[in-house]
Amino acid sequence: MKQPLDFGFFEFDCLLIYGSSASVSDKLTPNTLAIQMLDRLMRMDANTLFCGRSGLAFQYEI
């Protein structure tokens, strides 16, 4: 079951959020562990995640 997002948008298989699907204070960076990044995607059944909290532009492939 998908949780409601008060801080983002989910459309098709893309998730646009501030923070992550775990918390608005969650900060994802290029150094985030792959298992943690996968958890954040799987929480919303997304294939693409756009996160605005870190202020960094990066691409992370799992």
N, C-alpha and C. Protein backbone atom coordinates (compact mmCIF):
# COMPACT_ATOMS: atom_id res chain seq x y z
N MET A 1 0.84 -1.18 0.00
CA MET A 1 0.00 0.00 0.00
C MET A 1 0.88 1.24 0.00
N LYS A 2 0.60 2.17 -0.87
CA LYS A 2 1.39 3.40 -0.96
C LYS A 2 0.96 4.37 0.12
N GLN A 3 1.96 4.98 0.75
CA GLN A 3 1.66 5.95 1.79
C GLN A 3 1.39 7.32 1.17
N PRO A 4 0.57 8.15 1.81
CA PRO A 4 0.33 9.49 1.26
C PRO A 4 1.58 10.35 1.39
N LEU A 5 1.80 11.21 0.40
CA LEU A 5 2.96 12.09 0.42
C LEU A 5 2.49 13.54 0.54
N ASP A 6 2.79 14.18 1.63
CA ASP A 6 2.46 15.58 1.80
C ASP A 6 3.57 16.47 1.26
N PHE A 7 4.65 15.88 0.81
CA PHE A 7 5.83 16.64 0.43
C PHE A 7 6.36 16.23 -0.94
N GLY A 8 5.52 15.61 -1.77
CA GLY A 8 6.00 15.18 -3.07
C GLY A 8 4.89 14.73 -3.99
N PHE A 9 5.31 14.22 -5.16
CA PHE A 9 4.37 13.76 -6.17
C PHE A 9 4.81 12.40 -6.69
N PHE A 10 3.85 11.53 -6.93
CA PHE A 10 4.11 10.23 -7.53
C PHE A 10 3.26 10.12 -8.78
N GLU A 11 3.90 9.94 -9.93
CA GLU A 11 3.19 9.83 -11.20
C GLU A 11 3.86 8.74 -12.03
N PHE A 12 3.06 7.80 -12.53
CA PHE A 12 3.55 6.63 -13.27
C PHE A 12 4.54 5.89 -12.38
N ASP A 13 5.81 5.84 -12.72
CA ASP A 13 6.79 5.16 -11.86
C ASP A 13 7.86 6.12 -11.35
N CYS A 14 7.53 7.43 -11.34
CA CYS A 14 8.49 8.45 -10.90
C CYS A 14 8.03 9.10 -9.60
N LEU A 15 8.97 9.31 -8.71
CA LEU A 15 8.69 9.92 -7.42
C LEU A 15 9.51 11.20 -7.30
N LEU A 16 8.84 12.32 -7.10
CA LEU A 16 9.48 13.61 -6.90
C LEU A 16 9.19 14.05 -5.48
N ILE A 17 10.24 14.15 -4.66
CA ILE A 17 10.04 14.44 -3.24
C ILE A 17 11.13 15.34 -2.68
N TYR A 18 10.84 15.88 -1.52
CA TYR A 18 11.82 16.59 -0.72
C TYR A 18 12.12 15.65 0.44
N GLY A 19 13.35 15.23 0.57
CA GLY A 19 13.70 14.21 1.55
C GLY A 19 13.67 12.86 0.88
N SER A 20 12.91 11.93 1.43
CA SER A 20 12.74 10.63 0.79
C SER A 20 11.40 10.06 1.22
N SER A 21 11.09 8.87 0.74
CA SER A 21 9.83 8.23 1.11
C SER A 21 9.83 7.79 2.56
N ALA A 22 10.99 7.83 3.22
CA ALA A 22 11.07 7.49 4.64
C ALA A 22 10.80 8.70 5.52
N SER A 23 11.31 9.88 5.11
CA SER A 23 11.17 11.08 5.94
C SER A 23 11.56 12.32 5.14
N VAL A 24 10.94 13.45 5.45
CA VAL A 24 11.32 14.69 4.79
C VAL A 24 12.72 15.13 5.20
N SER A 25 13.20 14.64 6.33
CA SER A 25 14.55 15.01 6.78
C SER A 25 15.63 14.08 6.24
N ASP A 26 15.23 13.02 5.53
CA ASP A 26 16.18 12.07 4.94
C ASP A 26 16.95 12.76 3.82
N LYS A 27 18.26 12.68 3.85
CA LYS A 27 19.11 13.33 2.86
C LYS A 27 19.84 12.28 2.04
N LEU A 28 19.47 12.13 0.77
CA LEU A 28 20.10 11.15 -0.12
C LEU A 28 21.23 11.82 -0.90
N THR A 29 22.38 11.17 -0.94
CA THR A 29 23.56 11.71 -1.62
C THR A 29 24.19 10.60 -2.45
N PRO A 30 25.20 10.91 -3.26
CA PRO A 30 25.90 9.87 -4.01
C PRO A 30 26.56 8.82 -3.10
N ASN A 31 26.76 9.15 -1.84
CA ASN A 31 27.37 8.22 -0.88
C ASN A 31 26.36 7.35 -0.15
N THR A 32 25.07 7.53 -0.41
CA THR A 32 24.04 6.72 0.22
C THR A 32 24.21 5.26 -0.21
N LEU A 33 24.10 4.36 0.74
CA LEU A 33 24.23 2.93 0.44
C LEU A 33 23.15 2.49 -0.55
N ALA A 34 23.51 1.57 -1.44
CA ALA A 34 22.58 1.08 -2.46
C ALA A 34 21.34 0.45 -1.82
N ILE A 35 21.50 -0.30 -0.74
CA ILE A 35 20.35 -0.95 -0.10
C ILE A 35 19.39 0.09 0.48
N GLN A 36 19.93 1.20 0.99
CA GLN A 36 19.09 2.27 1.52
C GLN A 36 18.35 2.97 0.39
N MET A 37 19.05 3.22 -0.71
CA MET A 37 18.42 3.87 -1.87
C MET A 37 17.30 2.97 -2.43
N LEU A 38 17.57 1.67 -2.50
CA LEU A 38 16.57 0.72 -2.99
C LEU A 38 15.35 0.71 -2.07
N ASP A 39 15.57 0.77 -0.77
CA ASP A 39 14.47 0.81 0.19
C ASP A 39 13.58 2.03 -0.07
N ARG A 40 14.19 3.18 -0.31
CA ARG A 40 13.41 4.41 -0.54
C ARG A 40 12.56 4.30 -1.80
N LEU A 41 13.09 3.64 -2.83
CA LEU A 41 12.32 3.44 -4.06
C LEU A 41 11.19 2.44 -3.85
N MET A 42 11.49 1.34 -3.19
CA MET A 42 10.51 0.27 -3.02
C MET A 42 9.35 0.67 -2.12
N ARG A 43 9.55 1.61 -1.22
CA ARG A 43 8.47 2.07 -0.35
C ARG A 43 7.30 2.63 -1.15
N MET A 44 7.60 3.21 -2.32
CA MET A 44 6.56 3.81 -3.16
C MET A 44 6.39 3.10 -4.49
N ASP A 45 7.08 1.96 -4.66
CA ASP A 45 7.00 1.21 -5.91
C ASP A 45 7.39 2.09 -7.10
N ALA A 46 8.46 2.86 -6.92
CA ALA A 46 8.94 3.77 -7.97
C ALA A 46 10.18 3.19 -8.64
N ASN A 47 10.39 3.57 -9.88
CA ASN A 47 11.61 3.20 -10.60
C ASN A 47 12.56 4.38 -10.72
N THR A 48 12.04 5.60 -10.62
CA THR A 48 12.85 6.80 -10.71
C THR A 48 12.52 7.71 -9.53
N LEU A 49 13.56 8.21 -8.89
CA LEU A 49 13.39 9.06 -7.71
C LEU A 49 14.10 10.39 -7.95
N PHE A 50 13.36 11.47 -7.78
CA PHE A 50 13.94 12.81 -7.83
C PHE A 50 13.81 13.39 -6.42
N CYS A 51 14.94 13.72 -5.81
CA CYS A 51 14.96 14.18 -4.43
C CYS A 51 15.58 15.57 -4.36
N GLY A 52 14.91 16.52 -3.71
CA GLY A 52 15.41 17.89 -3.65
C GLY A 52 16.12 18.26 -2.36
N ARG A 53 16.19 17.38 -1.39
CA ARG A 53 16.74 17.73 -0.08
C ARG A 53 18.24 17.96 -0.08
N SER A 54 19.01 17.17 -0.79
CA SER A 54 20.47 17.23 -0.71
C SER A 54 21.05 18.45 -1.40
N GLY A 55 20.34 19.02 -2.37
CA GLY A 55 20.86 20.15 -3.12
C GLY A 55 21.93 19.76 -4.13
N LEU A 56 22.10 18.45 -4.35
CA LEU A 56 23.09 17.95 -5.28
C LEU A 56 22.41 17.40 -6.53
N ALA A 57 23.08 17.53 -7.66
CA ALA A 57 22.59 16.90 -8.89
C ALA A 57 23.46 15.69 -9.16
N PHE A 58 22.85 14.49 -9.13
CA PHE A 58 23.60 13.28 -9.39
C PHE A 58 22.68 12.19 -9.90
N GLN A 59 23.24 11.21 -10.57
CA GLN A 59 22.50 10.06 -11.05
C GLN A 59 23.03 8.85 -10.32
N TYR A 60 22.13 8.03 -9.80
CA TYR A 60 22.49 6.87 -9.01
C TYR A 60 21.77 5.68 -9.63
N GLU A 61 22.52 4.69 -10.10
CA GLU A 61 21.90 3.52 -10.71
C GLU A 61 22.09 2.31 -9.81
N ILE A 62 21.01 1.55 -9.64
CA ILE A 62 21.06 0.34 -8.82
C ILE A 62 20.93 -0.85 -9.75
